[in-house]
Amino acid sequence: MPGSFTLLPQPRSTEVGQGSFTFAEDLAITGPREWAAVVRRLLAPGTGLDLPGRDDGALRLHRDESLPDEGYRLEVTGDGIDVHAGDHRA
């Protein structure tokens, strides 16, 4: 399917809701600088987007110490994507 992504590590479970989020040309990242660099390195080549860091970015990275190393929770809504992770390797 065009525009879809494969998640690695593969999630243990998923919940499909209503709606979607489309990557815009001005998509920016909010979160720890080191984590944003990892996301940029992984997504920029496939999307062609610059993915600058900004306080109001729609791709939001959050450290969640309740999650294990490499654990993550991904929430996609109409106004953005929130990635909650135990560390930057998620």
PDB file of N, CA and C in Angstrom:
ATOM      1  N   MET A   1       0.842  -1.175   0.000  1.00  0.00           N
ATOM      2  CA  MET A   1       0.000   0.000   0.000  1.00  0.00           C
ATOM      3  C   MET A   1       0.888   1.239   0.000  1.00  0.00           C
ATOM      4  N   PRO A   2       0.757   2.152  -0.939  1.00  0.00           N
ATOM      5  CA  PRO A   2       1.558   3.368  -0.959  1.00  0.00           C
ATOM      6  C   PRO A   2       1.321   4.191   0.303  1.00  0.00           C
ATOM      7  N   GLY A   3       2.406   4.760   0.824  1.00  0.00           N
ATOM      8  CA  GLY A   3       2.279   5.609   1.990  1.00  0.00           C
ATOM      9  C   GLY A   3       2.227   4.870   3.310  1.00  0.00           C
ATOM     10  N   SER A   4       2.381   3.569   3.307  1.00  0.00           N
ATOM     11  CA  SER A   4       2.348   2.829   4.564  1.00  0.00           C
ATOM     12  C   SER A   4       3.769   2.562   5.040  1.00  0.00           C
ATOM     13  N   PHE A   5       3.904   2.240   6.321  1.00  0.00           N
ATOM     14  CA  PHE A   5       5.203   1.988   6.915  1.00  0.00           C
ATOM     15  C   PHE A   5       5.172   0.669   7.659  1.00  0.00           C
ATOM     16  N   THR A   6       6.314   0.030   7.763  1.00  0.00           N
ATOM     17  CA  THR A   6       6.465  -1.159   8.569  1.00  0.00           C
ATOM     18  C   THR A   6       7.102  -0.743   9.887  1.00  0.00           C
ATOM     19  N   LEU A   7       6.540  -1.194  10.993  1.00  0.00           N
ATOM     20  CA  LEU A   7       7.075  -0.848  12.306  1.00  0.00           C
ATOM     21  C   LEU A   7       8.059  -1.911  12.774  1.00  0.00           C
ATOM     22  N   LEU A   8       9.233  -1.456  13.169  1.00  0.00           N
ATOM     23  CA  LEU A   8      10.256  -2.337  13.721  1.00  0.00           C
ATOM     24  C   LEU A   8      10.772  -1.702  15.004  1.00  0.00           C
ATOM     25  N   PRO A   9      10.859  -2.379  16.110  1.00  0.00           N
ATOM     26  CA  PRO A   9      10.405  -3.751  16.275  1.00  0.00           C
ATOM     27  C   PRO A   9       8.889  -3.853  16.101  1.00  0.00           C
ATOM     28  N   GLN A  10       8.478  -5.005  15.650  1.00  0.00           N
ATOM     29  CA  GLN A  10       7.072  -5.251  15.373  1.00  0.00           C
ATOM     30  C   GLN A  10       6.260  -5.159  16.666  1.00  0.00           C
ATOM     31  N   PRO A  11       5.113  -4.481  16.636  1.00  0.00           N
ATOM     32  CA  PRO A  11       4.303  -4.348  17.854  1.00  0.00           C
ATOM     33  C   PRO A  11       3.708  -5.677  18.298  1.00  0.00           C
ATOM     34  N   ARG A  12       3.542  -5.804  19.622  1.00  0.00           N
ATOM     35  CA  ARG A  12       2.880  -6.997  20.170  1.00  0.00           C
ATOM     36  C   ARG A  12       1.383  -6.947  19.920  1.00  0.00           C
ATOM     37  N   SER A  13       0.836  -5.730  19.909  1.00  0.00           N
ATOM     38  CA  SER A  13      -0.598  -5.588  19.660  1.00  0.00           C
ATOM     39  C   SER A  13      -0.852  -4.241  18.983  1.00  0.00           C
ATOM     40  N   THR A  14      -1.983  -4.153  18.325  1.00  0.00           N
ATOM     41  CA  THR A  14      -2.387  -2.908  17.679  1.00  0.00           C
ATOM     42  C   THR A  14      -3.875  -2.688  17.901  1.00  0.00           C
ATOM     43  N   GLU A  15      -4.270  -1.437  17.881  1.00  0.00           N
ATOM     44  CA  GLU A  15      -5.676  -1.049  17.908  1.00  0.00           C
ATOM     45  C   GLU A  15      -5.885  -0.082  16.764  1.00  0.00           C
ATOM     46  N   VAL A  16      -6.775  -0.400  15.877  1.00  0.00           N
ATOM     47  CA  VAL A  16      -7.035   0.463  14.736  1.00  0.00           C
ATOM     48  C   VAL A  16      -8.222   1.358  15.068  1.00  0.00           C
ATOM     49  N   GLY A  17      -8.006   2.664  14.958  1.00  0.00           N
ATOM     50  CA  GLY A  17      -9.061   3.628  15.219  1.00  0.00           C
ATOM     51  C   GLY A  17      -9.516   4.283  13.936  1.00  0.00           C
ATOM     52  N   GLN A  18     -10.262   5.354  14.075  1.00  0.00           N
ATOM     53  CA  GLN A  18     -10.762   6.096  12.928  1.00  0.00           C
ATOM     54  C   GLN A  18      -9.785   7.205  12.573  1.00  0.00           C
ATOM     55  N   GLY A  19      -9.757   7.620  11.330  1.00  0.00           N
ATOM     56  CA  GLY A  19      -8.953   8.746  10.905  1.00  0.00           C
ATOM     57  C   GLY A  19      -7.541   8.356  10.520  1.00  0.00           C
ATOM     58  N   SER A  20      -6.750   9.375  10.191  1.00  0.00           N
ATOM     59  CA  SER A  20      -5.377   9.142   9.757  1.00  0.00           C
ATOM     60  C   SER A  20      -4.578  10.433   9.898  1.00  0.00           C
ATOM     61  N   PHE A  21      -3.282  10.328   9.729  1.00  0.00           N
ATOM     62  CA  PHE A  21      -2.400  11.487   9.720  1.00  0.00           C
ATOM     63  C   PHE A  21      -1.531  11.376   8.484  1.00  0.00           C
ATOM     64  N   THR A  22      -1.479  12.432   7.694  1.00  0.00           N
ATOM     65  CA  THR A  22      -0.675  12.457   6.484  1.00  0.00           C
ATOM     66  C   THR A  22       0.556  13.320   6.717  1.00  0.00           C
ATOM     67  N   PHE A  23       1.729  12.800   6.364  1.00  0.00           N
ATOM     68  CA  PHE A  23       2.969  13.562   6.489  1.00  0.00           C
ATOM     69  C   PHE A  23       2.919  14.738   5.523  1.00  0.00           C
ATOM     70  N   ALA A  24       3.018  15.957   6.052  1.00  0.00           N
ATOM     71  CA  ALA A  24       3.050  17.161   5.228  1.00  0.00           C
ATOM     72  C   ALA A  24       4.509  17.541   4.956  1.00  0.00           C
ATOM     73  N   GLU A  25       4.733  18.362   3.943  1.00  0.00           N
ATOM     74  CA  GLU A  25       6.098  18.773   3.600  1.00  0.00           C
ATOM     75  C   GLU A  25       6.789  19.518   4.736  1.00  0.00           C
ATOM     76  N   ASP A  26       6.011  20.152   5.620  1.00  0.00           N
ATOM     77  CA  ASP A  26       6.596  20.901   6.731  1.00  0.00           C
ATOM     78  C   ASP A  26       6.572  20.125   8.048  1.00  0.00           C
ATOM     79  N   LEU A  27       6.419  18.803   7.981  1.00  0.00           N
ATOM     80  CA  LEU A  27       6.385  17.983   9.195  1.00  0.00           C
ATOM     81  C   LEU A  27       7.653  18.216  10.012  1.00  0.00           C
ATOM     82  N   ALA A  28       7.476  18.495  11.301  1.00  0.00           N
ATOM     83  CA  ALA A  28       8.602  18.746  12.201  1.00  0.00           C
ATOM     84  C   ALA A  28       8.532  17.791  13.385  1.00  0.00           C
ATOM     85  N   ILE A  29       9.668  17.621  14.049  1.00  0.00           N
ATOM     86  CA  ILE A  29       9.799  16.713  15.190  1.00  0.00           C
ATOM     87  C   ILE A  29       9.950  17.526  16.465  1.00  0.00           C
ATOM     88  N   THR A  30       9.244  17.107  17.512  1.00  0.00           N
ATOM     89  CA  THR A  30       9.385  17.661  18.851  1.00  0.00           C
ATOM     90  C   THR A  30       9.882  16.546  19.754  1.00  0.00           C
ATOM     91  N   GLY A  31      10.913  16.817  20.526  1.00  0.00           N
ATOM     92  CA  GLY A  31      11.413  15.814  21.463  1.00  0.00           C
ATOM     93  C   GLY A  31      12.906  15.931  21.640  1.00  0.00           C
ATOM     94  N   PRO A  32      13.491  14.979  22.378  1.00  0.00           N
ATOM     95  CA  PRO A  32      14.934  15.031  22.623  1.00  0.00           C
ATOM     96  C   PRO A  32      15.729  15.072  21.319  1.00  0.00           C
ATOM     97  N   ARG A  33      16.705  15.957  21.263  1.00  0.00           N
ATOM     98  CA  ARG A  33      17.504  16.168  20.043  1.00  0.00           C
ATOM     99  C   ARG A  33      18.113  14.862  19.524  1.00  0.00           C
ATOM    100  N   GLU A  34      18.667  14.041  20.431  1.00  0.00           N
ATOM    101  CA  GLU A  34      19.308  12.787  20.004  1.00  0.00           C
ATOM    102  C   GLU A  34      18.282  11.839  19.378  1.00  0.00           C
ATOM    103  N   TRP A  35      17.098  11.802  19.954  1.00  0.00           N
ATOM    104  CA  TRP A  35      16.049  10.926  19.428  1.00  0.00           C
ATOM    105  C   TRP A  35      15.566  11.433  18.074  1.00  0.00           C
ATOM    106  N   ALA A  36      15.421  12.746  17.956  1.00  0.00           N
ATOM    107  CA  ALA A  36      14.978  13.330  16.681  1.00  0.00           C
ATOM    108  C   ALA A  36      15.975  13.006  15.576  1.00  0.00           C
ATOM    109  N   ALA A  37      17.272  12.984  15.906  1.00  0.00           N
ATOM    110  CA  ALA A  37      18.296  12.661  14.906  1.00  0.00           C
ATOM    111  C   ALA A  37      18.121  11.234  14.399  1.00  0.00           C
ATOM    112  N   VAL A  38      17.774  10.312  15.285  1.00  0.00           N
ATOM    113  CA  VAL A  38      17.556   8.916  14.883  1.00  0.00           C
ATOM    114  C   VAL A  38      16.332   8.825  13.969  1.00  0.00           C
ATOM    115  N   VAL A  39      15.241   9.471  14.361  1.00  0.00           N
ATOM    116  CA  VAL A  39      14.013   9.445  13.553  1.00  0.00           C
ATOM    117  C   VAL A  39      14.279  10.067  12.184  1.00  0.00           C
ATOM    118  N   ARG A  40      14.977  11.178  12.175  1.00  0.00           N
ATOM    119  CA  ARG A  40      15.301  11.856  10.911  1.00  0.00           C
ATOM    120  C   ARG A  40      16.117  10.933   9.997  1.00  0.00           C
ATOM    121  N   ARG A  41      17.120  10.264  10.561  1.00  0.00           N
ATOM    122  CA  ARG A  41      17.968   9.368   9.770  1.00  0.00           C
ATOM    123  C   ARG A  41      17.152   8.212   9.174  1.00  0.00           C
ATOM    124  N   LEU A  42      16.142   7.751   9.905  1.00  0.00           N
ATOM    125  CA  LEU A  42      15.340   6.625   9.422  1.00  0.00           C
ATOM    126  C   LEU A  42      14.236   7.033   8.452  1.00  0.00           C
ATOM    127  N   LEU A  43      13.600   8.184   8.681  1.00  0.00           N
ATOM    128  CA  LEU A  43      12.449   8.571   7.863  1.00  0.00           C
ATOM    129  C   LEU A  43      12.768   9.479   6.678  1.00  0.00           C
ATOM    130  N   ALA A  44      13.766  10.347   6.811  1.00  0.00           N
ATOM    131  CA  ALA A  44      14.029  11.330   5.759  1.00  0.00           C
ATOM    132  C   ALA A  44      14.319  10.703   4.392  1.00  0.00           C
ATOM    133  N   PRO A  45      15.161   9.664   4.302  1.00  0.00           N
ATOM    134  CA  PRO A  45      15.443   9.118   2.968  1.00  0.00           C
ATOM    135  C   PRO A  45      14.201   8.577   2.249  1.00  0.00           C
ATOM    136  N   GLY A  46      13.317   7.932   2.964  1.00  0.00           N
ATOM    137  CA  GLY A  46      12.132   7.345   2.342  1.00  0.00           C
ATOM    138  C   GLY A  46      11.018   8.331   2.073  1.00  0.00           C
ATOM    139  N   THR A  47      11.017   9.448   2.803  1.00  0.00           N
ATOM    140  CA  THR A  47       9.942  10.424   2.630  1.00  0.00           C
ATOM    141  C   THR A  47      10.384  11.652   1.849  1.00  0.00           C
ATOM    142  N   GLY A  48      11.691  11.931   1.824  1.00  0.00           N
ATOM    143  CA  GLY A  48      12.192  13.138   1.184  1.00  0.00           C
ATOM    144  C   GLY A  48      11.958  14.394   2.008  1.00  0.00           C
ATOM    145  N   LEU A  49      11.548  14.232   3.273  1.00  0.00           N
ATOM    146  CA  LEU A  49      11.259  15.372   4.133  1.00  0.00           C
ATOM    147  C   LEU A  49      12.485  15.751   4.961  1.00  0.00           C
ATOM    148  N   ASP A  50      12.605  17.049   5.291  1.00  0.00           N
ATOM    149  CA  ASP A  50      13.718  17.533   6.116  1.00  0.00           C
ATOM    150  C   ASP A  50      13.528  17.183   7.592  1.00  0.00           C
ATOM    151  N   LEU A  51      12.298  17.186   8.077  1.00  0.00           N
ATOM    152  CA  LEU A  51      11.950  16.859   9.460  1.00  0.00           C
ATOM    153  C   LEU A  51      12.741  17.694  10.472  1.00  0.00           C
ATOM    154  N   PRO A  52      12.605  19.026  10.416  1.00  0.00           N
ATOM    155  CA  PRO A  52      13.330  19.873  11.359  1.00  0.00           C
ATOM    156  C   PRO A  52      12.797  19.711  12.778  1.00  0.00           C
ATOM    157  N   GLY A  53      13.608  20.081  13.747  1.00  0.00           N
ATOM    158  CA  GLY A  53      13.166  20.103  15.129  1.00  0.00           C
ATOM    159  C   GLY A  53      12.455  21.413  15.422  1.00  0.00           C
ATOM    160  N   ARG A  54      11.279  21.316  16.048  1.00  0.00           N
ATOM    161  CA  ARG A  54      10.510  22.505  16.437  1.00  0.00           C
ATOM    162  C   ARG A  54       9.688  22.166  17.668  1.00  0.00           C
ATOM    163  N   ASP A  55       9.396  23.178  18.471  1.00  0.00           N
ATOM    164  CA  ASP A  55       8.586  22.967  19.677  1.00  0.00           C
ATOM    165  C   ASP A  55       7.155  22.565  19.362  1.00  0.00           C
ATOM    166  N   ASP A  56       6.661  22.909  18.181  1.00  0.00           N
ATOM    167  CA  ASP A  56       5.273  22.613  17.821  1.00  0.00           C
ATOM    168  C   ASP A  56       5.172  21.510  16.761  1.00  0.00           C
ATOM    169  N   GLY A  57       6.174  20.637  16.675  1.00  0.00           N
ATOM    170  CA  GLY A  57       6.170  19.570  15.674  1.00  0.00           C
ATOM    171  C   GLY A  57       5.013  18.601  15.858  1.00  0.00           C
ATOM    172  N   ALA A  58       4.540  18.052  14.767  1.00  0.00           N
ATOM    173  CA  ALA A  58       3.435  17.088  14.816  1.00  0.00           C
ATOM    174  C   ALA A  58       3.921  15.657  15.023  1.00  0.00           C
ATOM    175  N   LEU A  59       5.224  15.431  14.916  1.00  0.00           N
ATOM    176  CA  LEU A  59       5.814  14.131  15.228  1.00  0.00           C
ATOM    177  C   LEU A  59       6.507  14.305  16.578  1.00  0.00           C
ATOM    178  N   ARG A  60       5.837  13.828  17.639  1.00  0.00           N
ATOM    179  CA  ARG A  60       6.247  14.114  19.007  1.00  0.00           C
ATOM    180  C   ARG A  60       6.860  12.882  19.676  1.00  0.00           C
ATOM    181  N   LEU A  61       8.068  13.047  20.198  1.00  0.00           N
ATOM    182  CA  LEU A  61       8.804  11.958  20.833  1.00  0.00           C
ATOM    183  C   LEU A  61       8.814  12.176  22.339  1.00  0.00           C
ATOM    184  N   HIS A  62       8.443  11.134  23.094  1.00  0.00           N
ATOM    185  CA  HIS A  62       8.341  11.228  24.551  1.00  0.00           C
ATOM    186  C   HIS A  62       9.097  10.075  25.214  1.00  0.00           C
ATOM    187  N   ARG A  63       9.901  10.383  26.214  1.00  0.00           N
ATOM    188  CA  ARG A  63      10.536   9.329  27.016  1.00  0.00           C
ATOM    189  C   ARG A  63       9.507   8.847  28.024  1.00  0.00           C
ATOM    190  N   ASP A  64       9.339   7.533  28.109  1.00  0.00           N
ATOM    191  CA  ASP A  64       8.404   6.920  29.053  1.00  0.00           C
ATOM    192  C   ASP A  64       9.166   5.859  29.829  1.00  0.00           C
ATOM    193  N   GLU A  65       9.578   6.193  31.031  1.00  0.00           N
ATOM    194  CA  GLU A  65      10.395   5.286  31.825  1.00  0.00           C
ATOM    195  C   GLU A  65       9.645   4.048  32.287  1.00  0.00           C
ATOM    196  N   SER A  66       8.320   4.007  32.098  1.00  0.00           N
ATOM    197  CA  SER A  66       7.565   2.801  32.452  1.00  0.00           C
ATOM    198  C   SER A  66       7.693   1.724  31.366  1.00  0.00           C
ATOM    199  N   LEU A  67       8.207   2.105  30.197  1.00  0.00           N
ATOM    200  CA  LEU A  67       8.400   1.146  29.105  1.00  0.00           C
ATOM    201  C   LEU A  67       9.813   0.563  29.182  1.00  0.00           C
ATOM    202  N   PRO A  68       9.979  -0.698  28.786  1.00  0.00           N
ATOM    203  CA  PRO A  68      11.317  -1.300  28.804  1.00  0.00           C
ATOM    204  C   PRO A  68      12.190  -0.738  27.678  1.00  0.00           C
ATOM    205  N   ASP A  69      13.505  -0.985  27.754  1.00  0.00           N
ATOM    206  CA  ASP A  69      14.395  -0.613  26.654  1.00  0.00           C
ATOM    207  C   ASP A  69      13.835  -1.209  25.365  1.00  0.00           C
ATOM    208  N   GLU A  70      13.848  -0.439  24.302  1.00  0.00           N
ATOM    209  CA  GLU A  70      13.331  -0.794  22.984  1.00  0.00           C
ATOM    210  C   GLU A  70      11.818  -0.956  22.947  1.00  0.00           C
ATOM    211  N   GLY A  71      11.134  -0.680  24.057  1.00  0.00           N
ATOM    212  CA  GLY A  71       9.674  -0.722  24.079  1.00  0.00           C
ATOM    213  C   GLY A  71       9.116   0.610  23.610  1.00  0.00           C
ATOM    214  N   TYR A  72       7.956   0.596  22.974  1.00  0.00           N
ATOM    215  CA  TYR A  72       7.350   1.836  22.512  1.00  0.00           C
ATOM    216  C   TYR A  72       5.836   1.715  22.431  1.00  0.00           C
ATOM    217  N   ARG A  73       5.194   2.873  22.442  1.00  0.00           N
ATOM    218  CA  ARG A  73       3.753   2.974  22.221  1.00  0.00           C
ATOM    219  C   ARG A  73       3.580   4.081  21.190  1.00  0.00           C
ATOM    220  N   LEU A  74       2.851   3.820  20.158  1.00  0.00           N
ATOM    221  CA  LEU A  74       2.665   4.750  19.046  1.00  0.00           C
ATOM    222  C   LEU A  74       1.194   5.130  18.982  1.00  0.00           C
ATOM    223  N   GLU A  75       0.918   6.430  18.995  1.00  0.00           N
ATOM    224  CA  GLU A  75      -0.450   6.923  18.900  1.00  0.00           C
ATOM    225  C   GLU A  75      -0.543   7.864  17.704  1.00  0.00           C
ATOM    226  N   VAL A  76      -1.434   7.542  16.775  1.00  0.00           N
ATOM    227  CA  VAL A  76      -1.619   8.364  15.580  1.00  0.00           C
ATOM    228  C   VAL A  76      -3.017   8.972  15.633  1.00  0.00           C
ATOM    229  N   THR A  77      -3.072  10.297  15.534  1.00  0.00           N
ATOM    230  CA  THR A  77      -4.349  11.007  15.499  1.00  0.00           C
ATOM    231  C   THR A  77      -4.326  11.951  14.301  1.00  0.00           C
ATOM    232  N   GLY A  78      -5.406  12.633  14.080  1.00  0.00           N
ATOM    233  CA  GLY A  78      -5.491  13.564  12.967  1.00  0.00           C
ATOM    234  C   GLY A  78      -4.545  14.749  13.093  1.00  0.00           C
ATOM    235  N   ASP A  79      -4.076  15.043  14.319  1.00  0.00           N
ATOM    236  CA  ASP A  79      -3.195  16.204  14.482  1.00  0.00           C
ATOM    237  C   ASP A  79      -1.734  15.839  14.727  1.00  0.00           C
ATOM    238  N   GLY A  80      -1.396  14.570  14.627  1.00  0.00           N
ATOM    239  CA  GLY A  80       0.010  14.216  14.777  1.00  0.00           C
ATOM    240  C   GLY A  80       0.244  12.785  15.216  1.00  0.00           C
ATOM    241  N   ILE A  81       1.509  12.512  15.473  1.00  0.00           N
ATOM    242  CA  ILE A  81       1.958  11.187  15.894  1.00  0.00           C
ATOM    243  C   ILE A  81       2.746  11.349  17.179  1.00  0.00           C
ATOM    244  N   ASP A  82       2.379  10.576  18.196  1.00  0.00           N
ATOM    245  CA  ASP A  82       3.110  10.560  19.463  1.00  0.00           C
ATOM    246  C   ASP A  82       3.785   9.213  19.607  1.00  0.00           C
ATOM    247  N   VAL A  83       5.099   9.253  19.813  1.00  0.00           N
ATOM    248  CA  VAL A  83       5.889   8.041  20.041  1.00  0.00           C
ATOM    249  C   VAL A  83       6.372   8.112  21.482  1.00  0.00           C
ATOM    250  N   HIS A  84       5.915   7.175  22.296  1.00  0.00           N
ATOM    251  CA  HIS A  84       6.362   7.053  23.682  1.00  0.00           C
ATOM    252  C   HIS A  84       7.321   5.870  23.705  1.00  0.00           C
ATOM    253  N   ALA A  85       8.533   6.096  24.220  1.00  0.00           N
ATOM    254  CA  ALA A  85       9.547   5.038  24.156  1.00  0.00           C
ATOM    255  C   ALA A  85      10.339   4.956  25.450  1.00  0.00           C
ATOM    256  N   GLY A  86      10.816   3.740  25.726  1.00  0.00           N
ATOM    257  CA  GLY A  86      11.662   3.519  26.893  1.00  0.00           C
ATOM    258  C   GLY A  86      13.063   4.054  26.683  1.00  0.00           C
ATOM    259  N   ASP A  87      13.518   4.079  25.448  1.00  0.00           N
ATOM    260  CA  ASP A  87      14.841   4.629  25.114  1.00  0.00           C
ATOM    261  C   ASP A  87      14.866   4.965  23.629  1.00  0.00           C
ATOM    262  N   HIS A  88      15.982   5.501  23.159  1.00  0.00           N
ATOM    263  CA  HIS A  88      16.061   5.956  21.761  1.00  0.00           C
ATOM    264  C   HIS A  88      16.112   4.812  20.751  1.00  0.00           C
ATOM    265  N   ARG A  89      16.300   3.573  21.212  1.00  0.00           N
ATOM    266  CA  ARG A  89      16.391   2.441  20.285  1.00  0.00           C
ATOM    267  C   ARG A  89      15.025   1.920  19.862  1.00  0.00           C
ATOM    268  N   ALA A  90      13.957   2.377  20.498  1.00  0.00           N
ATOM    269  CA  ALA A  90      12.616   1.914  20.137  1.00  0.00           C
ATOM    270  C   ALA A  90      12.295   2.398  18.754  1.00  0.00           C
TER     271      ALA A  90
END
